[in-house]
């Protein structure tokens, strides 16, 4: 529980966040903690460390890529196109 609290404090700090952001942060922290190795790592790079996610799902899990950058670029292009259209008129 202490690891969860510390990771949560590092991620949030004193920020005011929405419920959706809270759920996303909790999910990221949970995935990060469950992907941590259960024991010491060996120098052999061929061996995969045992993790809780590895035992439950057979492999480590990661979050899908966030598309907010793409959405921001599309919004910026639409805004620019509207601006150029107004300039031509």
Protein backbone atom coordinates (compact mmCIF):
# COMPACT_ATOMS: atom_id res chain seq x y z
CA UNK A 1 0.00 0.00 0.00
CA UNK A 2 2.91 2.33 0.70
CA UNK A 3 4.25 1.97 -2.84
CA UNK A 4 0.83 2.89 -4.22
CA UNK A 5 0.58 5.98 -2.02
CA UNK A 6 4.09 7.17 -2.87
CA UNK A 7 3.60 6.67 -6.61
CA UNK A 8 0.24 8.42 -6.42
CA UNK A 9 1.74 11.38 -4.54
CA UNK A 10 4.55 11.68 -7.10
CA UNK A 11 2.11 11.60 -9.99
CA UNK A 12 -0.49 13.98 -8.55
CA UNK A 13 1.28 16.14 -5.99
CA UNK A 14 -1.05 18.95 -4.88
CA UNK A 15 -2.84 19.20 -8.23
CA UNK A 16 -6.61 19.38 -8.56
CA UNK A 17 -7.64 16.77 -11.10
CA UNK A 18 -10.88 15.50 -12.58
CA UNK A 19 -12.33 12.09 -11.81
CA UNK A 20 -11.33 10.85 -15.27
CA UNK A 21 -7.72 11.96 -14.69
CA UNK A 22 -7.78 10.29 -11.27
CA UNK A 23 -8.87 6.98 -12.82
CA UNK A 24 -6.13 7.24 -15.47
CA UNK A 25 -3.43 7.95 -12.88
CA UNK A 26 -4.59 5.07 -10.69
CA UNK A 27 -4.56 2.72 -13.69
CA UNK A 28 -1.04 3.81 -14.69
CA UNK A 29 0.24 3.38 -11.12
CA UNK A 30 -1.41 -0.04 -10.84
CA UNK A 31 0.11 -1.26 -14.11
CA UNK A 32 3.53 0.09 -13.15
CA UNK A 33 3.46 -1.65 -9.77
CA UNK A 34 2.22 -4.93 -11.22
CA UNK A 35 4.99 -4.90 -13.84
CA UNK A 36 7.69 -4.69 -11.14
CA UNK A 37 9.79 -7.83 -10.66
CA UNK A 38 8.94 -9.98 -7.65
CA UNK A 39 12.56 -10.85 -6.88
CA UNK A 40 16.11 -9.92 -7.71
CA UNK A 41 17.07 -9.56 -11.35
CA UNK A 42 19.69 -11.89 -12.76
CA UNK A 43 22.47 -10.75 -15.09
CA UNK A 44 21.17 -13.15 -17.76
CA UNK A 45 19.27 -10.94 -20.22
CA UNK A 46 17.48 -13.93 -21.75
CA UNK A 47 15.49 -14.64 -18.57
CA UNK A 48 12.37 -12.58 -18.02
CA UNK A 49 11.77 -11.53 -14.40
CA UNK A 50 8.64 -12.82 -12.65
CA UNK A 51 6.04 -10.09 -12.23
CA UNK A 52 2.45 -10.16 -10.96
CA UNK A 53 1.13 -9.29 -14.44
CA UNK A 54 3.33 -11.97 -15.94
CA UNK A 55 1.82 -14.57 -13.64
CA UNK A 56 -1.77 -13.43 -14.17
CA UNK A 57 -1.74 -12.62 -17.89
CA UNK A 58 1.34 -14.43 -19.14
CA UNK A 59 3.08 -11.17 -20.10
CA UNK A 60 3.59 -7.64 -18.83
CA UNK A 61 0.84 -5.21 -19.73
CA UNK A 62 1.26 -1.64 -20.89
CA UNK A 63 -1.21 1.14 -21.56
CA UNK A 64 -2.11 1.95 -25.16
CA UNK A 65 -0.47 4.99 -26.69
CA UNK A 66 -2.23 8.26 -25.93
CA UNK A 67 -3.68 9.97 -29.00
CA UNK A 68 -3.97 13.43 -27.43
CA UNK A 69 -1.00 14.69 -29.46
CA UNK A 70 -2.71 13.62 -32.68
CA UNK A 71 -5.98 15.20 -31.58
CA UNK A 72 -4.21 18.44 -30.69
CA UNK A 73 -2.52 18.51 -34.11
CA UNK A 74 -5.83 17.94 -35.89
CA UNK A 75 -7.49 20.71 -33.88
CA UNK A 76 -4.61 23.06 -34.68
CA UNK A 77 -4.85 22.25 -38.40
CA UNK A 78 -8.62 22.84 -38.43
CA UNK A 79 -8.16 26.13 -36.61
CA UNK A 80 -5.45 27.17 -39.08
CA UNK A 81 -7.64 26.21 -42.07
CA UNK A 82 -10.52 28.32 -40.72
CA UNK A 83 -8.15 31.24 -40.17
CA UNK A 84 -6.78 31.01 -43.72
CA UNK A 85 -10.32 30.79 -45.11
CA UNK A 86 -11.27 33.98 -43.23
CA UNK A 87 -8.15 35.71 -44.53
CA UNK A 88 -9.06 34.90 -48.15
CA UNK A 89 -12.56 36.35 -47.74
